[in-house]
Amino acid sequence: MAVPEGQMPVKTITRKAIWTLHGDTLMVKELERNYFRTYLVNTIGKDSLSLYPIIDNKANFKGGYTFIRVSINK
């Protein structure tokens, strides 16, 4: 699939994590590795979430993440 001009390719990563929402800040602690990150919430949809990472106590608006709800078959 070709990526439209001016857009970055989409990278899909699946992780299991525990998350906590405090106002407009999402805190994520991954379960499978020792990794903790905070994000500024940009938009919340029925099945998606758009975030900006917080680095050195500042939101990084140059890079962002979009999370999409998926079903996980057990």
N, C-alpha and C. Protein backbone atom coordinates (compact mmCIF):
# COMPACT_ATOMS: atom_id res chain seq x y z
N MET A 1 0.84 -1.17 0.00
CA MET A 1 0.00 0.00 0.00
C MET A 1 0.89 1.24 0.00
N ALA A 2 0.63 2.16 -0.88
CA ALA A 2 1.41 3.39 -0.98
C ALA A 2 0.96 4.38 0.09
N VAL A 3 1.93 5.10 0.64
CA VAL A 3 1.64 6.14 1.63
C VAL A 3 1.45 7.45 0.89
N PRO A 4 0.34 8.18 1.16
CA PRO A 4 0.12 9.45 0.49
C PRO A 4 1.28 10.42 0.73
N GLU A 5 1.57 11.25 -0.27
CA GLU A 5 2.68 12.20 -0.17
C GLU A 5 2.49 13.10 1.05
N GLY A 6 3.57 13.31 1.79
CA GLY A 6 3.52 14.18 2.96
C GLY A 6 3.10 13.48 4.24
N GLN A 7 2.74 12.20 4.17
CA GLN A 7 2.33 11.47 5.36
C GLN A 7 3.36 10.39 5.69
N MET A 8 3.49 10.13 6.97
CA MET A 8 4.40 9.09 7.43
C MET A 8 3.71 7.73 7.31
N PRO A 9 4.49 6.67 7.07
CA PRO A 9 3.88 5.33 7.05
C PRO A 9 3.34 4.98 8.44
N VAL A 10 2.33 4.14 8.47
CA VAL A 10 1.71 3.72 9.73
C VAL A 10 2.46 2.52 10.25
N LYS A 11 2.79 2.56 11.54
CA LYS A 11 3.47 1.45 12.19
C LYS A 11 2.53 0.92 13.26
N THR A 12 2.22 -0.36 13.22
CA THR A 12 1.30 -0.97 14.17
C THR A 12 2.07 -1.81 15.17
N ILE A 13 1.83 -1.52 16.45
CA ILE A 13 2.47 -2.25 17.54
C ILE A 13 1.37 -2.68 18.52
N THR A 14 1.40 -3.91 18.97
CA THR A 14 0.43 -4.40 19.94
C THR A 14 1.14 -4.59 21.28
N ARG A 15 0.59 -3.97 22.33
CA ARG A 15 1.15 -4.09 23.67
C ARG A 15 0.01 -4.26 24.68
N LYS A 16 0.30 -4.90 25.81
CA LYS A 16 -0.64 -4.99 26.92
C LYS A 16 -0.14 -4.03 27.99
N ALA A 17 -1.07 -3.23 28.55
CA ALA A 17 -0.67 -2.23 29.52
C ALA A 17 -1.80 -1.90 30.47
N ILE A 18 -1.42 -1.31 31.58
CA ILE A 18 -2.37 -0.74 32.53
C ILE A 18 -2.30 0.77 32.33
N TRP A 19 -3.46 1.42 32.27
CA TRP A 19 -3.45 2.85 32.06
C TRP A 19 -4.33 3.56 33.07
N THR A 20 -4.00 4.83 33.31
CA THR A 20 -4.75 5.68 34.22
C THR A 20 -4.92 7.03 33.56
N LEU A 21 -6.11 7.60 33.63
CA LEU A 21 -6.39 8.90 33.04
C LEU A 21 -6.57 9.92 34.16
N HIS A 22 -5.77 10.99 34.14
CA HIS A 22 -5.86 12.10 35.09
C HIS A 22 -6.09 13.37 34.30
N GLY A 23 -7.32 13.84 34.23
CA GLY A 23 -7.64 15.04 33.43
C GLY A 23 -7.36 14.76 31.97
N ASP A 24 -6.43 15.53 31.37
CA ASP A 24 -6.09 15.33 29.96
C ASP A 24 -4.77 14.59 29.78
N THR A 25 -4.30 13.92 30.85
CA THR A 25 -3.04 13.18 30.79
C THR A 25 -3.29 11.69 31.00
N LEU A 26 -2.80 10.88 30.06
CA LEU A 26 -2.89 9.43 30.14
C LEU A 26 -1.55 8.88 30.57
N MET A 27 -1.55 8.02 31.60
CA MET A 27 -0.33 7.39 32.09
C MET A 27 -0.42 5.91 31.74
N VAL A 28 0.61 5.38 31.06
CA VAL A 28 0.60 4.00 30.57
C VAL A 28 1.79 3.24 31.13
N LYS A 29 1.53 2.07 31.74
CA LYS A 29 2.56 1.17 32.25
C LYS A 29 2.41 -0.15 31.53
N GLU A 30 3.38 -0.48 30.69
CA GLU A 30 3.32 -1.74 29.94
C GLU A 30 3.52 -2.92 30.88
N LEU A 31 2.88 -4.04 30.56
CA LEU A 31 2.96 -5.23 31.40
C LEU A 31 4.09 -6.16 31.00
N GLU A 32 4.48 -6.16 29.73
CA GLU A 32 5.45 -7.13 29.24
C GLU A 32 6.88 -6.61 29.26
N ARG A 33 7.07 -5.35 29.56
CA ARG A 33 8.41 -4.79 29.69
C ARG A 33 8.35 -3.62 30.66
N ASN A 34 9.48 -3.23 31.22
CA ASN A 34 9.54 -2.16 32.19
C ASN A 34 9.52 -0.82 31.46
N TYR A 35 8.32 -0.34 31.16
CA TYR A 35 8.18 0.87 30.36
C TYR A 35 6.99 1.67 30.85
N PHE A 36 7.21 2.95 31.11
CA PHE A 36 6.17 3.85 31.59
C PHE A 36 6.24 5.13 30.77
N ARG A 37 5.09 5.64 30.34
CA ARG A 37 5.05 6.85 29.52
C ARG A 37 3.80 7.65 29.85
N THR A 38 3.89 8.96 29.70
CA THR A 38 2.72 9.83 29.86
C THR A 38 2.43 10.51 28.53
N TYR A 39 1.15 10.78 28.29
CA TYR A 39 0.70 11.37 27.04
C TYR A 39 -0.32 12.46 27.31
N LEU A 40 -0.35 13.47 26.45
CA LEU A 40 -1.41 14.47 26.45
C LEU A 40 -2.49 13.97 25.50
N VAL A 41 -3.73 13.90 25.98
CA VAL A 41 -4.83 13.41 25.16
C VAL A 41 -5.23 14.50 24.17
N ASN A 42 -5.23 14.17 22.88
CA ASN A 42 -5.65 15.09 21.83
C ASN A 42 -7.13 14.91 21.54
N THR A 43 -7.53 13.71 21.11
CA THR A 43 -8.95 13.43 20.85
C THR A 43 -9.29 12.02 21.31
N ILE A 44 -10.53 11.85 21.69
CA ILE A 44 -11.05 10.53 22.07
C ILE A 44 -12.28 10.25 21.22
N GLY A 45 -12.26 9.13 20.52
CA GLY A 45 -13.41 8.70 19.73
C GLY A 45 -13.97 7.42 20.29
N LYS A 46 -15.03 6.92 19.68
CA LYS A 46 -15.66 5.69 20.15
C LYS A 46 -14.66 4.53 20.14
N ASP A 47 -13.86 4.42 19.09
CA ASP A 47 -12.91 3.32 18.95
C ASP A 47 -11.48 3.77 18.70
N SER A 48 -11.17 5.04 18.99
CA SER A 48 -9.81 5.52 18.77
C SER A 48 -9.42 6.57 19.81
N LEU A 49 -8.12 6.76 19.93
CA LEU A 49 -7.55 7.69 20.89
C LEU A 49 -6.32 8.31 20.26
N SER A 50 -6.25 9.63 20.22
CA SER A 50 -5.11 10.34 19.63
C SER A 50 -4.34 11.04 20.75
N LEU A 51 -3.02 10.81 20.80
CA LEU A 51 -2.19 11.30 21.91
C LEU A 51 -0.91 11.95 21.42
N TYR A 52 -0.37 12.84 22.27
CA TYR A 52 0.97 13.38 22.07
C TYR A 52 1.83 12.94 23.26
N PRO A 53 3.04 12.44 23.03
CA PRO A 53 3.89 12.04 24.15
C PRO A 53 4.34 13.26 24.95
N ILE A 54 4.48 13.07 26.26
CA ILE A 54 5.03 14.12 27.12
C ILE A 54 6.48 13.73 27.41
N ILE A 55 7.39 14.59 26.99
CA ILE A 55 8.83 14.35 27.17
C ILE A 55 9.42 15.55 27.90
N ASP A 56 10.14 15.31 28.98
CA ASP A 56 10.70 16.37 29.81
C ASP A 56 9.63 17.37 30.24
N ASN A 57 8.48 16.85 30.65
CA ASN A 57 7.35 17.63 31.13
C ASN A 57 6.72 18.56 30.09
N LYS A 58 6.96 18.30 28.80
CA LYS A 58 6.38 19.09 27.72
C LYS A 58 5.78 18.15 26.67
N ALA A 59 4.61 18.52 26.15
CA ALA A 59 3.99 17.71 25.09
C ALA A 59 4.79 17.88 23.81
N ASN A 60 5.07 16.76 23.13
CA ASN A 60 5.79 16.77 21.86
C ASN A 60 4.76 16.76 20.73
N PHE A 61 4.47 17.95 20.19
CA PHE A 61 3.45 18.07 19.15
C PHE A 61 3.97 17.68 17.77
N LYS A 62 5.26 17.41 17.65
CA LYS A 62 5.82 16.98 16.36
C LYS A 62 5.54 15.51 16.08
N GLY A 63 5.35 14.74 17.14
CA GLY A 63 5.07 13.31 16.99
C GLY A 63 3.83 12.97 17.77
N GLY A 64 3.02 12.10 17.25
CA GLY A 64 1.81 11.72 17.95
C GLY A 64 1.49 10.26 17.72
N TYR A 65 0.53 9.78 18.47
CA TYR A 65 0.12 8.39 18.38
C TYR A 65 -1.39 8.33 18.25
N THR A 66 -1.87 7.38 17.48
CA THR A 66 -3.30 7.09 17.42
C THR A 66 -3.48 5.63 17.80
N PHE A 67 -4.28 5.39 18.82
CA PHE A 67 -4.58 4.04 19.26
C PHE A 67 -5.97 3.68 18.77
N ILE A 68 -6.12 2.47 18.26
CA ILE A 68 -7.39 2.00 17.74
C ILE A 68 -7.79 0.75 18.53
N ARG A 69 -9.03 0.73 19.00
CA ARG A 69 -9.52 -0.41 19.78
C ARG A 69 -9.63 -1.62 18.87
N VAL A 70 -9.08 -2.74 19.31
CA VAL A 70 -9.18 -3.99 18.55
C VAL A 70 -9.67 -5.09 19.49
N SER A 71 -10.31 -6.09 18.91
CA SER A 71 -10.74 -7.25 19.69
C SER A 71 -9.59 -8.22 19.77
N ILE A 72 -9.38 -8.78 20.94
CA ILE A 72 -8.32 -9.77 21.12
C ILE A 72 -8.99 -11.09 21.44
N ASN A 73 -8.80 -12.06 20.55
CA ASN A 73 -9.38 -13.39 20.75
C ASN A 73 -8.48 -14.17 21.68
N LYS A 74 -9.08 -14.77 22.70
CA LYS A 74 -8.29 -15.54 23.68
C LYS A 74 -8.37 -17.00 23.36
